[in-house]
Amino acid sequence: MLIPHPLLGLRDSQEFTYLGDAALMNRPDPATPDAEAVFCDYVFLRDNPAGVHRELWFHEQGDRSWLIVTRDTTTHEILGAELASDVKGAAQ
């Protein structure tokens, strides 16, 4: 499987470590009244989607960047990749 790194071009997926759902970038606010319950859900509950999904990947054997990879989990087709820092910066 090849991942289209936004800076380095196509890279073999073996250079990366899969880290899970990209929603993990949205860490819960610890100041909210229900912070403990929300944080427990954030840490322990995971979806297992079939279809298009946004995922965190770390370029461990490369430039050590974090990517948001959009992938179809039923076919493993990679639909795109973005630097996580660009996605996080755009959301703020």
PDB file of N, CA and C in Angstrom:
ATOM      1  N   MET A   1       0.850  -1.162   0.000  1.00  0.00           N
ATOM      2  CA  MET A   1       0.000   0.000   0.000  1.00  0.00           C
ATOM      3  C   MET A   1       0.904   1.235   0.000  1.00  0.00           C
ATOM      4  N   LEU A   2       0.624   2.175  -0.890  1.00  0.00           N
ATOM      5  CA  LEU A   2       1.408   3.402  -0.993  1.00  0.00           C
ATOM      6  C   LEU A   2       0.621   4.580  -0.430  1.00  0.00           C
ATOM      7  N   ILE A   3       1.286   5.391   0.365  1.00  0.00           N
ATOM      8  CA  ILE A   3       0.665   6.569   0.968  1.00  0.00           C
ATOM      9  C   ILE A   3       1.241   7.805   0.277  1.00  0.00           C
ATOM     10  N   PRO A   4       0.362   8.684  -0.253  1.00  0.00           N
ATOM     11  CA  PRO A   4       0.850   9.891  -0.936  1.00  0.00           C
ATOM     12  C   PRO A   4       1.232  10.981   0.067  1.00  0.00           C
ATOM     13  N   HIS A   5       2.467  10.945   0.535  1.00  0.00           N
ATOM     14  CA  HIS A   5       2.945  11.930   1.511  1.00  0.00           C
ATOM     15  C   HIS A   5       2.913  13.311   0.852  1.00  0.00           C
ATOM     16  N   PRO A   6       2.328  14.318   1.507  1.00  0.00           N
ATOM     17  CA  PRO A   6       2.199  15.639   0.889  1.00  0.00           C
ATOM     18  C   PRO A   6       3.532  16.319   0.562  1.00  0.00           C
ATOM     19  N   LEU A   7       4.591  15.963   1.262  1.00  0.00           N
ATOM     20  CA  LEU A   7       5.896  16.585   1.016  1.00  0.00           C
ATOM     21  C   LEU A   7       6.859  15.686   0.263  1.00  0.00           C
ATOM     22  N   LEU A   8       6.747  14.374   0.453  1.00  0.00           N
ATOM     23  CA  LEU A   8       7.742  13.432  -0.064  1.00  0.00           C
ATOM     24  C   LEU A   8       7.248  12.557  -1.207  1.00  0.00           C
ATOM     25  N   GLY A   9       5.982  12.686  -1.578  1.00  0.00           N
ATOM     26  CA  GLY A   9       5.435  11.855  -2.646  1.00  0.00           C
ATOM     27  C   GLY A   9       5.028  10.486  -2.135  1.00  0.00           C
ATOM     28  N   LEU A  10       4.864   9.539  -3.036  1.00  0.00           N
ATOM     29  CA  LEU A  10       4.416   8.199  -2.667  1.00  0.00           C
ATOM     30  C   LEU A  10       5.450   7.493  -1.801  1.00  0.00           C
ATOM     31  N   ARG A  11       4.986   6.971  -0.666  1.00  0.00           N
ATOM     32  CA  ARG A  11       5.851   6.242   0.269  1.00  0.00           C
ATOM     33  C   ARG A  11       5.180   4.917   0.613  1.00  0.00           C
ATOM     34  N   ASP A  12       5.975   3.883   0.828  1.00  0.00           N
ATOM     35  CA  ASP A  12       5.449   2.588   1.229  1.00  0.00           C
ATOM     36  C   ASP A  12       4.865   2.687   2.634  1.00  0.00           C
ATOM     37  N   SER A  13       3.726   2.057   2.857  1.00  0.00           N
ATOM     38  CA  SER A  13       3.057   2.130   4.166  1.00  0.00           C
ATOM     39  C   SER A  13       3.908   1.518   5.280  1.00  0.00           C
ATOM     40  N   GLN A  14       4.884   0.693   4.936  1.00  0.00           N
ATOM     41  CA  GLN A  14       5.748   0.093   5.953  1.00  0.00           C
ATOM     42  C   GLN A  14       6.634   1.125   6.644  1.00  0.00           C
ATOM     43  N   GLU A  15       6.759   2.319   6.059  1.00  0.00           N
ATOM     44  CA  GLU A  15       7.527   3.391   6.685  1.00  0.00           C
ATOM     45  C   GLU A  15       6.728   4.069   7.804  1.00  0.00           C
ATOM     46  N   PHE A  16       5.438   3.772   7.882  1.00  0.00           N
ATOM     47  CA  PHE A  16       4.525   4.464   8.785  1.00  0.00           C
ATOM     48  C   PHE A  16       4.036   3.557   9.903  1.00  0.00           C
ATOM     49  N   THR A  17       3.559   4.196  10.965  1.00  0.00           N
ATOM     50  CA  THR A  17       2.869   3.504  12.046  1.00  0.00           C
ATOM     51  C   THR A  17       1.440   4.025  12.075  1.00  0.00           C
ATOM     52  N   TYR A  18       0.475   3.118  12.038  1.00  0.00           N
ATOM     53  CA  TYR A  18      -0.937   3.477  12.110  1.00  0.00           C
ATOM     54  C   TYR A  18      -1.289   3.785  13.560  1.00  0.00           C
ATOM     55  N   LEU A  19      -1.970   4.899  13.787  1.00  0.00           N
ATOM     56  CA  LEU A  19      -2.261   5.310  15.155  1.00  0.00           C
ATOM     57  C   LEU A  19      -3.746   5.433  15.465  1.00  0.00           C
ATOM     58  N   GLY A  20      -4.619   5.157  14.514  1.00  0.00           N
ATOM     59  CA  GLY A  20      -6.049   5.158  14.815  1.00  0.00           C
ATOM     60  C   GLY A  20      -6.818   6.292  14.168  1.00  0.00           C
ATOM     61  N   ASP A  21      -8.007   6.475  14.671  1.00  0.00           N
ATOM     62  CA  ASP A  21      -8.965   7.451  14.165  1.00  0.00           C
ATOM     63  C   ASP A  21      -8.417   8.875  14.283  1.00  0.00           C
ATOM     64  N   ALA A  22      -8.554   9.651  13.219  1.00  0.00           N
ATOM     65  CA  ALA A  22      -8.080  11.038  13.239  1.00  0.00           C
ATOM     66  C   ALA A  22      -8.866  11.888  14.228  1.00  0.00           C
ATOM     67  N   ALA A  23     -10.018  11.428  14.669  1.00  0.00           N
ATOM     68  CA  ALA A  23     -10.787  12.167  15.673  1.00  0.00           C
ATOM     69  C   ALA A  23     -10.027  12.272  16.993  1.00  0.00           C
ATOM     70  N   LEU A  24      -8.989  11.458  17.174  1.00  0.00           N
ATOM     71  CA  LEU A  24      -8.178  11.525  18.396  1.00  0.00           C
ATOM     72  C   LEU A  24      -7.457  12.871  18.527  1.00  0.00           C
ATOM     73  N   MET A  25      -7.363  13.621  17.432  1.00  0.00           N
ATOM     74  CA  MET A  25      -6.752  14.947  17.505  1.00  0.00           C
ATOM     75  C   MET A  25      -7.634  15.922  18.287  1.00  0.00           C
ATOM     76  N   ASN A  26      -8.910  15.594  18.428  1.00  0.00           N
ATOM     77  CA  ASN A  26      -9.858  16.461  19.126  1.00  0.00           C
ATOM     78  C   ASN A  26      -9.984  16.022  20.577  1.00  0.00           C
ATOM     79  N   ARG A  27      -8.970  16.293  21.349  1.00  0.00           N
ATOM     80  CA  ARG A  27      -8.924  15.888  22.757  1.00  0.00           C
ATOM     81  C   ARG A  27      -9.987  16.656  23.551  1.00  0.00           C
ATOM     82  N   PRO A  28     -10.705  15.979  24.448  1.00  0.00           N
ATOM     83  CA  PRO A  28     -11.753  16.643  25.228  1.00  0.00           C
ATOM     84  C   PRO A  28     -11.189  17.730  26.152  1.00  0.00           C
ATOM     85  N   ASP A  29     -12.011  18.715  26.427  1.00  0.00           N
ATOM     86  CA  ASP A  29     -11.648  19.810  27.327  1.00  0.00           C
ATOM     87  C   ASP A  29     -11.753  19.326  28.772  1.00  0.00           C
ATOM     88  N   PRO A  30     -10.659  19.359  29.537  1.00  0.00           N
ATOM     89  CA  PRO A  30     -10.709  18.871  30.921  1.00  0.00           C
ATOM     90  C   PRO A  30     -11.484  19.787  31.869  1.00  0.00           C
ATOM     91  N   ALA A  31     -11.860  20.976  31.412  1.00  0.00           N
ATOM     92  CA  ALA A  31     -12.559  21.918  32.281  1.00  0.00           C
ATOM     93  C   ALA A  31     -14.078  21.752  32.257  1.00  0.00           C
ATOM     94  N   THR A  32     -14.597  20.907  31.402  1.00  0.00           N
ATOM     95  CA  THR A  32     -16.052  20.735  31.338  1.00  0.00           C
ATOM     96  C   THR A  32     -16.547  19.904  32.525  1.00  0.00           C
ATOM     97  N   PRO A  33     -17.804  20.090  32.915  1.00  0.00           N
ATOM     98  CA  PRO A  33     -18.342  19.367  34.082  1.00  0.00           C
ATOM     99  C   PRO A  33     -18.316  17.839  33.938  1.00  0.00           C
ATOM    100  N   ASP A  34     -18.505  17.338  32.732  1.00  0.00           N
ATOM    101  CA  ASP A  34     -18.520  15.885  32.514  1.00  0.00           C
ATOM    102  C   ASP A  34     -17.196  15.383  31.937  1.00  0.00           C
ATOM    103  N   ALA A  35     -16.109  16.067  32.250  1.00  0.00           N
ATOM    104  CA  ALA A  35     -14.802  15.778  31.649  1.00  0.00           C
ATOM    105  C   ALA A  35     -14.354  14.334  31.866  1.00  0.00           C
ATOM    106  N   GLU A  36     -14.595  13.792  33.048  1.00  0.00           N
ATOM    107  CA  GLU A  36     -14.125  12.432  33.329  1.00  0.00           C
ATOM    108  C   GLU A  36     -14.809  11.409  32.421  1.00  0.00           C
ATOM    109  N   ALA A  37     -16.120  11.505  32.286  1.00  0.00           N
ATOM    110  CA  ALA A  37     -16.860  10.566  31.435  1.00  0.00           C
ATOM    111  C   ALA A  37     -16.480  10.739  29.967  1.00  0.00           C
ATOM    112  N   VAL A  38     -16.359  11.985  29.538  1.00  0.00           N
ATOM    113  CA  VAL A  38     -15.996  12.253  28.143  1.00  0.00           C
ATOM    114  C   VAL A  38     -14.593  11.741  27.850  1.00  0.00           C
ATOM    115  N   PHE A  39     -13.665  11.934  28.784  1.00  0.00           N
ATOM    116  CA  PHE A  39     -12.296  11.466  28.575  1.00  0.00           C
ATOM    117  C   PHE A  39     -12.229   9.939  28.559  1.00  0.00           C
ATOM    118  N   CYS A  40     -13.027   9.273  29.406  1.00  0.00           N
ATOM    119  CA  CYS A  40     -13.076   7.800  29.376  1.00  0.00           C
ATOM    120  C   CYS A  40     -13.546   7.308  28.009  1.00  0.00           C
ATOM    121  N   ASP A  41     -14.570   7.953  27.451  1.00  0.00           N
ATOM    122  CA  ASP A  41     -15.036   7.591  26.114  1.00  0.00           C
ATOM    123  C   ASP A  41     -13.939   7.831  25.079  1.00  0.00           C
ATOM    124  N   TYR A  42     -13.258   8.969  25.194  1.00  0.00           N
ATOM    125  CA  TYR A  42     -12.181   9.331  24.267  1.00  0.00           C
ATOM    126  C   TYR A  42     -11.059   8.282  24.286  1.00  0.00           C
ATOM    127  N   VAL A  43     -10.713   7.792  25.456  1.00  0.00           N
ATOM    128  CA  VAL A  43      -9.602   6.844  25.587  1.00  0.00           C
ATOM    129  C   VAL A  43      -9.997   5.423  25.212  1.00  0.00           C
ATOM    130  N   PHE A  44     -11.188   4.984  25.641  1.00  0.00           N
ATOM    131  CA  PHE A  44     -11.512   3.558  25.555  1.00  0.00           C
ATOM    132  C   PHE A  44     -12.492   3.157  24.458  1.00  0.00           C
ATOM    133  N   LEU A  45     -13.311   4.055  23.955  1.00  0.00           N
ATOM    134  CA  LEU A  45     -14.309   3.682  22.951  1.00  0.00           C
ATOM    135  C   LEU A  45     -13.810   4.009  21.554  1.00  0.00           C
ATOM    136  N   ARG A  46     -13.843   3.024  20.666  1.00  0.00           N
ATOM    137  CA  ARG A  46     -13.390   3.206  19.289  1.00  0.00           C
ATOM    138  C   ARG A  46     -14.441   2.651  18.332  1.00  0.00           C
ATOM    139  N   ASP A  47     -14.634   3.366  17.235  1.00  0.00           N
ATOM    140  CA  ASP A  47     -15.484   2.867  16.161  1.00  0.00           C
ATOM    141  C   ASP A  47     -14.644   1.956  15.269  1.00  0.00           C
ATOM    142  N   ASN A  48     -15.309   1.060  14.580  1.00  0.00           N
ATOM    143  CA  ASN A  48     -14.649   0.191  13.617  1.00  0.00           C
ATOM    144  C   ASN A  48     -15.410   0.342  12.298  1.00  0.00           C
ATOM    145  N   PRO A  49     -15.183   1.469  11.606  1.00  0.00           N
ATOM    146  CA  PRO A  49     -16.002   1.787  10.436  1.00  0.00           C
ATOM    147  C   PRO A  49     -15.662   0.930   9.215  1.00  0.00           C
ATOM    148  N   ALA A  50     -16.677   0.690   8.410  1.00  0.00           N
ATOM    149  CA  ALA A  50     -16.485   0.078   7.101  1.00  0.00           C
ATOM    150  C   ALA A  50     -16.744   1.177   6.081  1.00  0.00           C
ATOM    151  N   GLY A  51     -15.734   1.460   5.271  1.00  0.00           N
ATOM    152  CA  GLY A  51     -15.876   2.520   4.278  1.00  0.00           C
ATOM    153  C   GLY A  51     -14.806   3.580   4.462  1.00  0.00           C
ATOM    154  N   VAL A  52     -15.093   4.779   3.971  1.00  0.00           N
ATOM    155  CA  VAL A  52     -14.128   5.871   4.000  1.00  0.00           C
ATOM    156  C   VAL A  52     -13.941   6.357   5.435  1.00  0.00           C
ATOM    157  N   HIS A  53     -12.677   6.488   5.827  1.00  0.00           N
ATOM    158  CA  HIS A  53     -12.336   6.820   7.205  1.00  0.00           C
ATOM    159  C   HIS A  53     -11.063   7.660   7.216  1.00  0.00           C
ATOM    160  N   ARG A  54     -11.006   8.639   8.123  1.00  0.00           N
ATOM    161  CA  ARG A  54      -9.798   9.470   8.290  1.00  0.00           C
ATOM    162  C   ARG A  54      -8.990   8.915   9.452  1.00  0.00           C
ATOM    163  N   GLU A  55      -7.685   8.696   9.209  1.00  0.00           N
ATOM    164  CA  GLU A  55      -6.823   8.011  10.179  1.00  0.00           C
ATOM    165  C   GLU A  55      -5.531   8.790  10.412  1.00  0.00           C
ATOM    166  N   LEU A  56      -4.972   8.620  11.594  1.00  0.00           N
ATOM    167  CA  LEU A  56      -3.656   9.180  11.920  1.00  0.00           C
ATOM    168  C   LEU A  56      -2.572   8.165  11.573  1.00  0.00           C
ATOM    169  N   TRP A  57      -1.565   8.608  10.861  1.00  0.00           N
ATOM    170  CA  TRP A  57      -0.399   7.787  10.540  1.00  0.00           C
ATOM    171  C   TRP A  57       0.850   8.598  10.865  1.00  0.00           C
ATOM    172  N   PHE A  58       1.864   7.961  11.436  1.00  0.00           N
ATOM    173  CA  PHE A  58       3.119   8.615  11.807  1.00  0.00           C
ATOM    174  C   PHE A  58       4.225   8.097  10.895  1.00  0.00           C
ATOM    175  N   HIS A  59       4.938   9.003  10.239  1.00  0.00           N
ATOM    176  CA  HIS A  59       6.017   8.613   9.319  1.00  0.00           C
ATOM    177  C   HIS A  59       7.291   8.326  10.117  1.00  0.00           C
ATOM    178  N   GLU A  60       7.252   7.189  10.791  1.00  0.00           N
ATOM    179  CA  GLU A  60       8.297   6.808  11.735  1.00  0.00           C
ATOM    180  C   GLU A  60       9.658   6.606  11.065  1.00  0.00           C
ATOM    181  N   GLN A  61       9.677   5.992   9.902  1.00  0.00           N
ATOM    182  CA  GLN A  61      10.943   5.697   9.222  1.00  0.00           C
ATOM    183  C   GLN A  61      11.200   6.695   8.101  1.00  0.00           C
ATOM    184  N   GLY A  62      10.810   7.935   8.347  1.00  0.00           N
ATOM    185  CA  GLY A  62      10.997   8.986   7.355  1.00  0.00           C
ATOM    186  C   GLY A  62      11.208  10.314   8.042  1.00  0.00           C
ATOM    187  N   ASP A  63      10.398  11.296   7.687  1.00  0.00           N
ATOM    188  CA  ASP A  63      10.590  12.638   8.242  1.00  0.00           C
ATOM    189  C   ASP A  63       9.881  12.847   9.578  1.00  0.00           C
ATOM    190  N   ARG A  64       9.293  11.780  10.138  1.00  0.00           N
ATOM    191  CA  ARG A  64       8.654  11.790  11.451  1.00  0.00           C
ATOM    192  C   ARG A  64       7.461  12.741  11.510  1.00  0.00           C
ATOM    193  N   SER A  65       6.800  12.930  10.390  1.00  0.00           N
ATOM    194  CA  SER A  65       5.616  13.779  10.347  1.00  0.00           C
ATOM    195  C   SER A  65       4.369  12.955  10.671  1.00  0.00           C
ATOM    196  N   TRP A  66       3.330  13.652  11.100  1.00  0.00           N
ATOM    197  CA  TRP A  66       2.025  13.039  11.355  1.00  0.00           C
ATOM    198  C   TRP A  66       1.138  13.367  10.166  1.00  0.00           C
ATOM    199  N   LEU A  67       0.441  12.351   9.664  1.00  0.00           N
ATOM    200  CA  LEU A  67      -0.456  12.545   8.527  1.00  0.00           C
ATOM    201  C   LEU A  67      -1.881  12.158   8.893  1.00  0.00           C
ATOM    202  N   ILE A  68      -2.822  12.809   8.249  1.00  0.00           N
ATOM    203  CA  ILE A  68      -4.216  12.373   8.258  1.00  0.00           C
ATOM    204  C   ILE A  68      -4.418  11.713   6.897  1.00  0.00           C
ATOM    205  N   VAL A  69      -4.630  10.417   6.909  1.00  0.00           N
ATOM    206  CA  VAL A  69      -4.806   9.643   5.680  1.00  0.00           C
ATOM    207  C   VAL A  69      -6.285   9.285   5.568  1.00  0.00           C
ATOM    208  N   THR A  70      -6.861   9.566   4.403  1.00  0.00           N
ATOM    209  CA  THR A  70      -8.235   9.168   4.129  1.00  0.00           C
ATOM    210  C   THR A  70      -8.174   7.859   3.357  1.00  0.00           C
ATOM    211  N   ARG A  71      -8.784   6.817   3.945  1.00  0.00           N
ATOM    212  CA  ARG A  71      -8.660   5.468   3.392  1.00  0.00           C
ATOM    213  C   ARG A  71     -10.014   4.773   3.436  1.00  0.00           C
ATOM    214  N   ASP A  72     -10.291   3.987   2.414  1.00  0.00           N
ATOM    215  CA  ASP A  72     -11.477   3.134   2.415  1.00  0.00           C
ATOM    216  C   ASP A  72     -11.098   1.840   3.112  1.00  0.00           C
ATOM    217  N   THR A  73     -11.689   1.584   4.272  1.00  0.00           N
ATOM    218  CA  THR A  73     -11.297   0.422   5.070  1.00  0.00           C
ATOM    219  C   THR A  73     -11.760  -0.897   4.465  1.00  0.00           C
ATOM    220  N   THR A  74     -12.687  -0.857   3.519  1.00  0.00           N
ATOM    221  CA  THR A  74     -13.138  -2.106   2.894  1.00  0.00           C
ATOM    222  C   THR A  74     -12.237  -2.536   1.745  1.00  0.00           C
ATOM    223  N   THR A  75     -11.588  -1.583   1.077  1.00  0.00           N
ATOM    224  CA  THR A  75     -10.729  -1.907  -0.062  1.00  0.00           C
ATOM    225  C   THR A  75      -9.261  -1.560   0.194  1.00  0.00           C
ATOM    226  N   HIS A  76      -8.979  -0.824   1.262  1.00  0.00           N
ATOM    227  CA  HIS A  76      -7.654  -0.305   1.608  1.00  0.00           C
ATOM    228  C   HIS A  76      -7.149   0.734   0.615  1.00  0.00           C
ATOM    229  N   GLU A  77      -8.033   1.246  -0.235  1.00  0.00           N
ATOM    230  CA  GLU A  77      -7.643   2.295  -1.180  1.00  0.00           C
ATOM    231  C   GLU A  77      -7.380   3.591  -0.416  1.00  0.00           C
ATOM    232  N   ILE A  78      -6.232   4.195  -0.688  1.00  0.00           N
ATOM    233  CA  ILE A  78      -5.875   5.483  -0.092  1.00  0.00           C
ATOM    234  C   ILE A  78      -6.448   6.576  -0.985  1.00  0.00           C
ATOM    235  N   LEU A  79      -7.282   7.430  -0.406  1.00  0.00           N
ATOM    236  CA  LEU A  79      -7.933   8.485  -1.165  1.00  0.00           C
ATOM    237  C   LEU A  79      -7.218   9.823  -1.049  1.00  0.00           C
ATOM    238  N   GLY A  80      -6.322   9.956  -0.083  1.00  0.00           N
ATOM    239  CA  GLY A  80      -5.580  11.198   0.081  1.00  0.00           C
ATOM    240  C   GLY A  80      -4.847  11.232   1.404  1.00  0.00           C
ATOM    241  N   ALA A  81      -3.968  12.222   1.542  1.00  0.00           N
ATOM    242  CA  ALA A  81      -3.220  12.398   2.790  1.00  0.00           C
ATOM    243  C   ALA A  81      -2.898  13.872   2.957  1.00  0.00           C
ATOM    244  N   GLU A  82      -2.943  14.320   4.208  1.00  0.00           N
ATOM    245  CA  GLU A  82      -2.639  15.709   4.548  1.00  0.00           C
ATOM    246  C   GLU A  82      -1.737  15.708   5.775  1.00  0.00           C
ATOM    247  N   LEU A  83      -0.938  16.742   5.922  1.00  0.00           N
ATOM    248  CA  LEU A  83      -0.165  16.894   7.146  1.00  0.00           C
ATOM    249  C   LEU A  83      -1.127  17.187   8.285  1.00  0.00           C
ATOM    250  N   ALA A  84      -0.989  16.487   9.386  1.00  0.00           N
ATOM    251  CA  ALA A  84      -1.881  16.684  10.533  1.00  0.00           C
ATOM    252  C   ALA A  84      -1.771  18.109  11.059  1.00  0.00           C
ATOM    253  N   SER A  85      -0.592  18.696  10.990  1.00  0.00           N
ATOM    254  CA  SER A  85      -0.416  20.074  11.469  1.00  0.00           C
ATOM    255  C   SER A  85      -1.241  21.052  10.641  1.00  0.00           C
ATOM    256  N   ASP A  86      -1.388  20.803   9.342  1.00  0.00           N
ATOM    257  CA  ASP A  86      -2.205  21.664   8.492  1.00  0.00           C
ATOM    258  C   ASP A  86      -3.682  21.520   8.838  1.00  0.00           C
ATOM    259  N   VAL A  87      -4.116  20.282   9.105  1.00  0.00           N
ATOM    260  CA  VAL A  87      -5.513  20.026   9.446  1.00  0.00           C
ATOM    261  C   VAL A  87      -5.844  20.643  10.790  1.00  0.00           C
ATOM    262  N   LYS A  88      -4.976  20.454  11.775  1.00  0.00           N
ATOM    263  CA  LYS A  88      -5.199  20.996  13.123  1.00  0.00           C
ATOM    264  C   LYS A  88      -5.184  22.519  13.077  1.00  0.00           C
ATOM    265  N   GLY A  89      -4.271  23.116  12.321  1.00  0.00           N
ATOM    266  CA  GLY A  89      -4.192  24.562  12.219  1.00  0.00           C
ATOM    267  C   GLY A  89      -5.403  25.179  11.547  1.00  0.00           C
ATOM    268  N   ALA A  90      -5.966  24.483  10.563  1.00  0.00           N
ATOM    269  CA  ALA A  90      -7.154  24.972   9.860  1.00  0.00           C
ATOM    270  C   ALA A  90      -8.381  24.909  10.745  1.00  0.00           C
ATOM    271  N   ALA A  91      -8.406  23.962  11.703  1.00  0.00           N
ATOM    272  CA  ALA A  91      -9.566  23.787  12.569  1.00  0.00           C
ATOM    273  C   ALA A  91      -9.612  24.834  13.676  1.00  0.00           C
ATOM    274  N   GLN A  92      -8.520  25.517  13.945  1.00  0.00           N
ATOM    275  CA  GLN A  92      -8.489  26.483  15.047  1.00  0.00           C
ATOM    276  C   GLN A  92      -8.908  27.848  14.619  1.00  0.00           C
TER     277      GLN A  92
END
